[in-house]
PDB file of N, CA and C in Angstrom:
ATOM      1  N   ASN A   1      29.395 -45.483  60.716  1.00  0.00           N
ATOM      2  CA  ASN A   1      28.306 -46.452  60.940  1.00  0.00           C
ATOM      3  C   ASN A   1      29.037 -47.762  61.679  1.00  0.00           C
ATOM      4  N   ASP A   2      28.588 -47.984  62.712  1.00  0.00           N
ATOM      5  CA  ASP A   2      29.047 -49.209  63.557  1.00  0.00           C
ATOM      6  C   ASP A   2      28.956 -50.485  63.010  1.00  0.00           C
ATOM      7  N   ASP A   3      27.969 -50.687  61.969  1.00  0.00           N
ATOM      8  CA  ASP A   3      27.498 -51.878  61.266  1.00  0.00           C
ATOM      9  C   ASP A   3      28.729 -52.042  60.501  1.00  0.00           C
ATOM     10  N   ASN A   4      29.428 -51.118  59.891  1.00  0.00           N
ATOM     11  CA  ASN A   4      30.373 -51.410  58.983  1.00  0.00           C
ATOM     12  C   ASN A   4      31.532 -52.295  59.657  1.00  0.00           C
ATOM     13  N   TRP A   5      31.722 -52.260  60.714  1.00  0.00           N
ATOM     14  CA  TRP A   5      32.788 -52.944  61.528  1.00  0.00           C
ATOM     15  C   TRP A   5      32.275 -54.375  62.131  1.00  0.00           C
ATOM     16  N   SER A   6      31.114 -54.758  61.739  1.00  0.00           N
ATOM     17  CA  SER A   6      30.599 -56.038  62.495  1.00  0.00           C
ATOM     18  C   SER A   6      31.274 -57.078  61.996  1.00  0.00           C
ATOM     19  N   TRP A   7      31.692 -57.259  60.889  1.00  0.00           N
ATOM     20  CA  TRP A   7      32.881 -58.347  60.476  1.00  0.00           C
ATOM     21  C   TRP A   7      33.892 -58.432  61.290  1.00  0.00           C
ATOM     22  N   LEU A   8      34.456 -57.326  61.588  1.00  0.00           N
ATOM     23  CA  LEU A   8      35.593 -57.440  62.491  1.00  0.00           C
ATOM     24  C   LEU A   8      35.396 -57.954  63.817  1.00  0.00           C
ATOM     25  N   ARG A   9      34.363 -57.474  64.396  1.00  0.00           N
ATOM     26  CA  ARG A   9      33.881 -57.760  65.744  1.00  0.00           C
ATOM     27  C   ARG A   9      33.693 -59.342  65.734  1.00  0.00           C
ATOM     28  N   ASP A  10      32.842 -59.706  64.809  1.00  0.00           N
ATOM     29  CA  ASP A  10      32.522 -61.160  64.549  1.00  0.00           C
ATOM     30  C   ASP A  10      33.820 -62.174  64.515  1.00  0.00           C
ATOM     31  N   LEU A  11      35.019 -61.432  63.986  1.00  0.00           N
ATOM     32  CA  LEU A  11      36.106 -62.305  64.079  1.00  0.00           C
ATOM     33  C   LEU A  11      36.844 -62.135  65.457  1.00  0.00           C
ATOM     34  N   LEU A  12      36.975 -61.011  66.066  1.00  0.00           N
ATOM     35  CA  LEU A  12      37.507 -60.860  67.203  1.00  0.00           C
ATOM     36  C   LEU A  12      36.940 -61.327  68.497  1.00  0.00           C
ATOM     37  N   ASP A  13      35.564 -60.996  68.602  1.00  0.00           N
ATOM     38  CA  ASP A  13      34.751 -61.658  69.926  1.00  0.00           C
ATOM     39  C   ASP A  13      34.935 -63.060  70.219  1.00  0.00           C
ATOM     40  N   PRO A  14      34.965 -63.921  69.361  1.00  0.00           N
ATOM     41  CA  PRO A  14      34.894 -65.394  69.764  1.00  0.00           C
ATOM     42  C   PRO A  14      36.472 -65.960  70.235  1.00  0.00           C
ATOM     43  N   VAL A  15      37.454 -64.982  70.058  1.00  0.00           N
ATOM     44  CA  VAL A  15      38.964 -65.481  70.335  1.00  0.00           C
ATOM     45  C   VAL A  15      38.861 -65.230  72.006  1.00  0.00           C
ATOM     46  N   ARG A  16      39.173 -66.320  72.681  1.00  0.00           N
ATOM     47  CA  ARG A  16      39.120 -66.198  74.187  1.00  0.00           C
ATOM     48  C   ARG A  16      40.413 -65.487  74.612  1.00  0.00           C
ATOM     49  N   ASP A  17      41.654 -65.625  73.951  1.00  0.00           N
ATOM     50  CA  ASP A  17      42.955 -65.062  74.500  1.00  0.00           C
ATOM     51  C   ASP A  17      42.861 -63.368  74.266  1.00  0.00           C
ATOM     52  N   ALA A  18      43.057 -62.780  75.247  1.00  0.00           N
ATOM     53  CA  ALA A  18      42.924 -61.356  75.177  1.00  0.00           C
ATOM     54  C   ALA A  18      44.089 -60.839  74.555  1.00  0.00           C
ATOM     55  N   ALA A  19      45.265 -61.499  74.626  1.00  0.00           N
ATOM     56  CA  ALA A  19      46.544 -61.093  74.097  1.00  0.00           C
ATOM     57  C   ALA A  19      46.277 -61.154  72.424  1.00  0.00           C
ATOM     58  N   VAL A  20      45.591 -62.353  72.144  1.00  0.00           N
ATOM     59  CA  VAL A  20      45.534 -62.601  70.605  1.00  0.00           C
ATOM     60  C   VAL A  20      44.624 -61.640  70.103  1.00  0.00           C
ATOM     61  N   ARG A  21      43.515 -61.227  70.787  1.00  0.00           N
ATOM     62  CA  ARG A  21      42.550 -60.236  70.272  1.00  0.00           C
ATOM     63  C   ARG A  21      43.333 -58.766  69.999  1.00  0.00           C
ATOM     64  N   SER A  22      43.881 -58.496  71.275  1.00  0.00           N
ATOM     65  CA  SER A  22      44.698 -57.212  71.174  1.00  0.00           C
ATOM     66  C   SER A  22      45.880 -57.225  70.057  1.00  0.00           C
ATOM     67  N   GLN A  23      46.373 -58.291  69.826  1.00  0.00           N
ATOM     68  CA  GLN A  23      47.380 -58.271  68.622  1.00  0.00           C
ATOM     69  C   GLN A  23      46.724 -58.196  67.159  1.00  0.00           C
ATOM     70  N   GLY A  24      45.346 -58.763  67.124  1.00  0.00           N
ATOM     71  CA  GLY A  24      44.673 -58.818  65.952  1.00  0.00           C
ATOM     72  C   GLY A  24      44.166 -57.260  65.776  1.00  0.00           C
ATOM     73  N   LYS A  25      43.694 -56.718  66.768  1.00  0.00           N
ATOM     74  CA  LYS A  25      43.453 -55.111  66.789  1.00  0.00           C
ATOM     75  C   LYS A  25      44.609 -54.379  66.053  1.00  0.00           C
ATOM     76  N   ILE A  26      45.867 -54.798  66.839  1.00  0.00           N
ATOM     77  CA  ILE A  26      47.037 -53.998  66.319  1.00  0.00           C
ATOM     78  C   ILE A  26      47.248 -54.147  64.771  1.00  0.00           C
ATOM     79  N   PHE A  27      47.207 -55.462  64.393  1.00  0.00           N
ATOM     80  CA  PHE A  27      47.468 -55.685  63.131  1.00  0.00           C
ATOM     81  C   PHE A  27      46.648 -55.093  62.048  1.00  0.00           C
ATOM     82  N   PHE A  28      45.278 -55.197  62.527  1.00  0.00           N
ATOM     83  CA  PHE A  28      44.237 -54.656  61.577  1.00  0.00           C
ATOM     84  C   PHE A  28      44.670 -52.987  61.499  1.00  0.00           C
ATOM     85  N   ALA A  29      44.862 -52.317  62.652  1.00  0.00           N
ATOM     86  CA  ALA A  29      45.235 -50.895  62.503  1.00  0.00           C
ATOM     87  C   ALA A  29      46.247 -50.663  61.785  1.00  0.00           C
ATOM     88  N   ARG A  30      47.357 -51.256  61.858  1.00  0.00           N
ATOM     89  CA  ARG A  30      48.674 -51.119  60.905  1.00  0.00           C
ATOM     90  C   ARG A  30      48.159 -51.368  59.397  1.00  0.00           C
ATOM     91  N   LEU A  31      47.419 -52.588  59.170  1.00  0.00           N
ATOM     92  CA  LEU A  31      46.999 -52.651  57.797  1.00  0.00           C
ATOM     93  C   LEU A  31      46.197 -51.496  57.192  1.00  0.00           C
ATOM     94  N   PHE A  32      45.346 -51.057  58.157  1.00  0.00           N
ATOM     95  CA  PHE A  32      44.563 -49.913  57.696  1.00  0.00           C
ATOM     96  C   PHE A  32      45.283 -48.846  57.433  1.00  0.00           C
ATOM     97  N   LYS A  33      46.245 -48.448  58.198  1.00  0.00           N
ATOM     98  CA  LYS A  33      47.090 -47.132  57.891  1.00  0.00           C
ATOM     99  C   LYS A  33      48.091 -47.102  56.918  1.00  0.00           C
ATOM    100  N   ALA A  34      48.552 -48.319  56.618  1.00  0.00           N
ATOM    101  CA  ALA A  34      49.633 -48.555  55.646  1.00  0.00           C
ATOM    102  C   ALA A  34      49.367 -48.027  54.283  1.00  0.00           C
ATOM    103  N   GLU A  35      50.374 -47.380  53.790  1.00  0.00           N
ATOM    104  CA  GLU A  35      50.055 -46.750  52.357  1.00  0.00           C
ATOM    105  C   GLU A  35      51.138 -47.054  51.431  1.00  0.00           C
ATOM    106  N   GLU A  36      52.060 -47.750  51.829  1.00  0.00           N
ATOM    107  CA  GLU A  36      53.058 -48.228  50.889  1.00  0.00           C
ATOM    108  C   GLU A  36      53.319 -49.848  50.839  1.00  0.00           C
ATOM    109  N   ALA A  37      53.632 -50.233  49.579  1.00  0.00           N
ATOM    110  CA  ALA A  37      53.880 -51.733  49.546  1.00  0.00           C
ATOM    111  C   ALA A  37      54.968 -52.217  50.496  1.00  0.00           C
ATOM    112  N   ALA A  38      55.933 -51.483  50.655  1.00  0.00           N
ATOM    113  CA  ALA A  38      57.202 -52.095  51.495  1.00  0.00           C
ATOM    114  C   ALA A  38      56.578 -52.136  52.836  1.00  0.00           C
ATOM    115  N   GLU A  39      55.741 -51.144  53.228  1.00  0.00           N
ATOM    116  CA  GLU A  39      55.144 -51.208  54.609  1.00  0.00           C
ATOM    117  C   GLU A  39      54.154 -52.390  54.875  1.00  0.00           C
ATOM    118  N   MET A  40      53.469 -52.789  53.875  1.00  0.00           N
ATOM    119  CA  MET A  40      52.651 -53.888  53.947  1.00  0.00           C
ATOM    120  C   MET A  40      53.402 -55.084  53.900  1.00  0.00           C
ATOM    121  N   THR A  41      54.513 -55.191  53.114  1.00  0.00           N
ATOM    122  CA  THR A  41      55.348 -56.428  53.161  1.00  0.00           C
ATOM    123  C   THR A  41      55.874 -56.729  54.526  1.00  0.00           C
ATOM    124  N   THR A  42      56.386 -55.618  55.151  1.00  0.00           N
ATOM    125  CA  THR A  42      56.829 -55.829  56.462  1.00  0.00           C
ATOM    126  C   THR A  42      55.704 -56.372  57.416  1.00  0.00           C
ATOM    127  N   ILE A  43      54.543 -55.737  57.345  1.00  0.00           N
ATOM    128  CA  ILE A  43      53.470 -56.048  58.156  1.00  0.00           C
ATOM    129  C   ILE A  43      53.125 -57.676  57.959  1.00  0.00           C
ATOM    130  N   LEU A  44      52.767 -57.956  56.600  1.00  0.00           N
ATOM    131  CA  LEU A  44      52.512 -59.216  56.275  1.00  0.00           C
ATOM    132  C   LEU A  44      53.573 -60.354  56.923  1.00  0.00           C
ATOM    133  N   SER A  45      54.808 -59.983  56.753  1.00  0.00           N
ATOM    134  CA  SER A  45      55.822 -60.900  57.282  1.00  0.00           C
ATOM    135  C   SER A  45      55.679 -61.237  58.740  1.00  0.00           C
ATOM    136  N   GLU A  46      55.440 -60.027  59.481  1.00  0.00           N
ATOM    137  CA  GLU A  46      55.167 -60.109  60.914  1.00  0.00           C
ATOM    138  C   GLU A  46      54.028 -61.011  61.346  1.00  0.00           C
ATOM    139  N   MET A  47      52.918 -60.854  60.454  1.00  0.00           N
ATOM    140  CA  MET A  47      51.763 -61.707  60.482  1.00  0.00           C
ATOM    141  C   MET A  47      51.930 -62.934  60.440  1.00  0.00           C
ATOM    142  N   GLU A  48      52.760 -63.240  59.463  1.00  0.00           N
ATOM    143  CA  GLU A  48      52.998 -64.679  59.137  1.00  0.00           C
ATOM    144  C   GLU A  48      53.529 -65.391  60.117  1.00  0.00           C
ATOM    145  N   SER A  49      54.450 -64.770  61.007  1.00  0.00           N
ATOM    146  CA  SER A  49      55.121 -65.294  62.127  1.00  0.00           C
ATOM    147  C   SER A  49      54.107 -65.533  63.277  1.00  0.00           C
ATOM    148  N   TRP A  50      53.191 -64.511  63.392  1.00  0.00           N
ATOM    149  CA  TRP A  50      52.133 -64.480  64.475  1.00  0.00           C
ATOM    150  C   TRP A  50      51.025 -65.631  64.169  1.00  0.00           C
ATOM    151  N   ARG A  51      50.709 -65.799  62.813  1.00  0.00           N
ATOM    152  CA  ARG A  51      49.896 -66.934  62.340  1.00  0.00           C
ATOM    153  C   ARG A  51      50.403 -68.221  63.003  1.00  0.00           C
ATOM    154  N   ASP A  52      51.770 -68.418  62.740  1.00  0.00           N
ATOM    155  CA  ASP A  52      52.380 -69.742  63.025  1.00  0.00           C
ATOM    156  C   ASP A  52      52.209 -70.173  64.455  1.00  0.00           C
ATOM    157  N   SER A  53      52.191 -69.177  65.468  1.00  0.00           N
ATOM    158  CA  SER A  53      52.104 -69.291  66.769  1.00  0.00           C
ATOM    159  C   SER A  53      50.617 -69.573  67.407  1.00  0.00           C
ATOM    160  N   LEU A  54      49.543 -69.433  66.376  1.00  0.00           N
ATOM    161  CA  LEU A  54      48.406 -69.495  66.932  1.00  0.00           C
ATOM    162  C   LEU A  54      47.826 -71.109  66.630  1.00  0.00           C
ATOM    163  N   THR A  55      47.160 -71.458  67.868  1.00  0.00           N
ATOM    164  CA  THR A  55      46.550 -72.795  67.709  1.00  0.00           C
ATOM    165  C   THR A  55      45.137 -72.986  67.602  1.00  0.00           C
ATOM    166  N   GLU A  56      44.364 -72.274  68.456  1.00  0.00           N
ATOM    167  CA  GLU A  56      42.918 -72.340  68.312  1.00  0.00           C
ATOM    168  C   GLU A  56      42.343 -71.946  66.880  1.00  0.00           C
ATOM    169  N   THR A  57      41.286 -72.657  66.521  1.00  0.00           N
ATOM    170  CA  THR A  57      40.419 -72.373  65.345  1.00  0.00           C
ATOM    171  C   THR A  57      40.081 -70.986  65.169  1.00  0.00           C
ATOM    172  N   ARG A  58      39.528 -70.383  66.141  1.00  0.00           N
ATOM    173  CA  ARG A  58      39.015 -69.022  66.099  1.00  0.00           C
ATOM    174  C   ARG A  58      40.122 -68.106  65.934  1.00  0.00           C
ATOM    175  N   GLU A  59      41.150 -68.473  66.596  1.00  0.00           N
ATOM    176  CA  GLU A  59      42.502 -67.331  66.261  1.00  0.00           C
ATOM    177  C   GLU A  59      42.920 -67.650  64.851  1.00  0.00           C
ATOM    178  N   GLN A  60      43.089 -68.893  64.595  1.00  0.00           N
ATOM    179  CA  GLN A  60      43.484 -69.019  63.000  1.00  0.00           C
ATOM    180  C   GLN A  60      42.706 -68.388  62.266  1.00  0.00           C
ATOM    181  N   LYS A  61      41.291 -68.367  62.333  1.00  0.00           N
ATOM    182  CA  LYS A  61      40.300 -67.901  61.326  1.00  0.00           C
ATOM    183  C   LYS A  61      40.413 -66.347  61.265  1.00  0.00           C
ATOM    184  N   LEU A  62      40.801 -65.548  62.646  1.00  0.00           N
ATOM    185  CA  LEU A  62      41.080 -64.200  62.696  1.00  0.00           C
ATOM    186  C   LEU A  62      42.327 -63.795  62.013  1.00  0.00           C
ATOM    187  N   SER A  63      43.352 -64.752  62.322  1.00  0.00           N
ATOM    188  CA  SER A  63      44.473 -64.371  61.381  1.00  0.00           C
ATOM    189  C   SER A  63      44.475 -64.475  59.936  1.00  0.00           C
ATOM    190  N   ARG A  64      43.780 -65.660  59.538  1.00  0.00           N
ATOM    191  CA  ARG A  64      43.730 -65.734  58.164  1.00  0.00           C
ATOM    192  C   ARG A  64      42.869 -64.713  57.348  1.00  0.00           C
ATOM    193  N   ALA A  65      41.810 -64.174  58.062  1.00  0.00           N
ATOM    194  CA  ALA A  65      41.140 -63.041  57.451  1.00  0.00           C
ATOM    195  C   ALA A  65      41.757 -61.648  57.422  1.00  0.00           C
ATOM    196  N   LEU A  66      42.518 -61.383  58.563  1.00  0.00           N
ATOM    197  CA  LEU A  66      43.399 -60.242  58.425  1.00  0.00           C
ATOM    198  C   LEU A  66      44.653 -60.318  57.420  1.00  0.00           C
ATOM    199  N   PHE A  67      45.182 -61.522  57.320  1.00  0.00           N
ATOM    200  CA  PHE A  67      46.116 -61.715  56.415  1.00  0.00           C
ATOM    201  C   PHE A  67      45.830 -61.517  54.923  1.00  0.00           C
ATOM    202  N   LEU A  68      44.585 -62.160  54.621  1.00  0.00           N
ATOM    203  CA  LEU A  68      43.985 -62.055  53.267  1.00  0.00           C
ATOM    204  C   LEU A  68      43.756 -60.562  53.057  1.00  0.00           C
ATOM    205  N   LEU A  69      43.432 -59.886  53.980  1.00  0.00           N
ATOM    206  CA  LEU A  69      42.658 -58.405  53.897  1.00  0.00           C
ATOM    207  C   LEU A  69      44.105 -57.651  53.611  1.00  0.00           C
ATOM    208  N   GLY A  70      45.038 -58.085  54.267  1.00  0.00           N
ATOM    209  CA  GLY A  70      46.424 -57.393  53.960  1.00  0.00           C
ATOM    210  C   GLY A  70      46.997 -57.684  52.616  1.00  0.00           C
ATOM    211  N   TYR A  71      47.175 -58.812  52.331  1.00  0.00           N
ATOM    212  CA  TYR A  71      47.448 -59.425  51.044  1.00  0.00           C
ATOM    213  C   TYR A  71      46.796 -58.521  49.764  1.00  0.00           C
ATOM    214  N   ASP A  72      45.536 -58.447  49.966  1.00  0.00           N
ATOM    215  CA  ASP A  72      44.663 -57.724  48.989  1.00  0.00           C
ATOM    216  C   ASP A  72      45.090 -56.232  48.917  1.00  0.00           C
ATOM    217  N   LYS A  73      45.405 -55.566  50.030  1.00  0.00           N
ATOM    218  CA  LYS A  73      45.661 -54.392  49.895  1.00  0.00           C
ATOM    219  C   LYS A  73      47.115 -54.207  49.440  1.00  0.00           C
ATOM    220  N   HIS A  74      48.011 -55.164  49.828  1.00  0.00           N
ATOM    221  CA  HIS A  74      49.393 -55.229  49.294  1.00  0.00           C
ATOM    222  C   HIS A  74      49.353 -55.106  47.824  1.00  0.00           C
ATOM    223  N   MET A  75      48.363 -56.025  47.132  1.00  0.00           N
ATOM    224  CA  MET A  75      48.475 -56.267  45.796  1.00  0.00           C
ATOM    225  C   MET A  75      47.814 -54.972  45.040  1.00  0.00           C
ATOM    226  N   SER A  76      46.906 -54.208  45.705  1.00  0.00           N
ATOM    227  CA  SER A  76      46.667 -52.993  45.115  1.00  0.00           C
ATOM    228  C   SER A  76      47.648 -52.027  45.268  1.00  0.00           C
ATOM    229  N   LEU A  77      48.481 -52.024  46.435  1.00  0.00           N
ATOM    230  CA  LEU A  77      49.523 -50.980  46.348  1.00  0.00           C
ATOM    231  C   LEU A  77      50.778 -51.136  45.369  1.00  0.00           C
ATOM    232  N   VAL A  78      50.822 -52.417  45.015  1.00  0.00           N
ATOM    233  CA  VAL A  78      51.880 -52.754  44.143  1.00  0.00           C
ATOM    234  C   VAL A  78      51.735 -52.172  42.787  1.00  0.00           C
ATOM    235  N   LYS A  79      50.496 -52.212  42.236  1.00  0.00           N
ATOM    236  CA  LYS A  79      50.010 -51.845  41.058  1.00  0.00           C
ATOM    237  C   LYS A  79      50.580 -50.624  40.682  1.00  0.00           C
TER     238      LYS A  79
END
């Protein structure tokens, strides 16, 4: 169902920079596919560097939401 992804569109659509939107999609796909804690740690580390480079509020909101999603998944994989 397409409505299941509306929250992601709500985060991506307001971001003006196409490169940031694209990178957000890539990070989401990587987070979604990751199945091991070590893999998640690598992705989260890369996301931290990416987050530090973002300046606009909408970009920061996108990166923060994706990072928290990844952190939550990381915690479930560590158990």
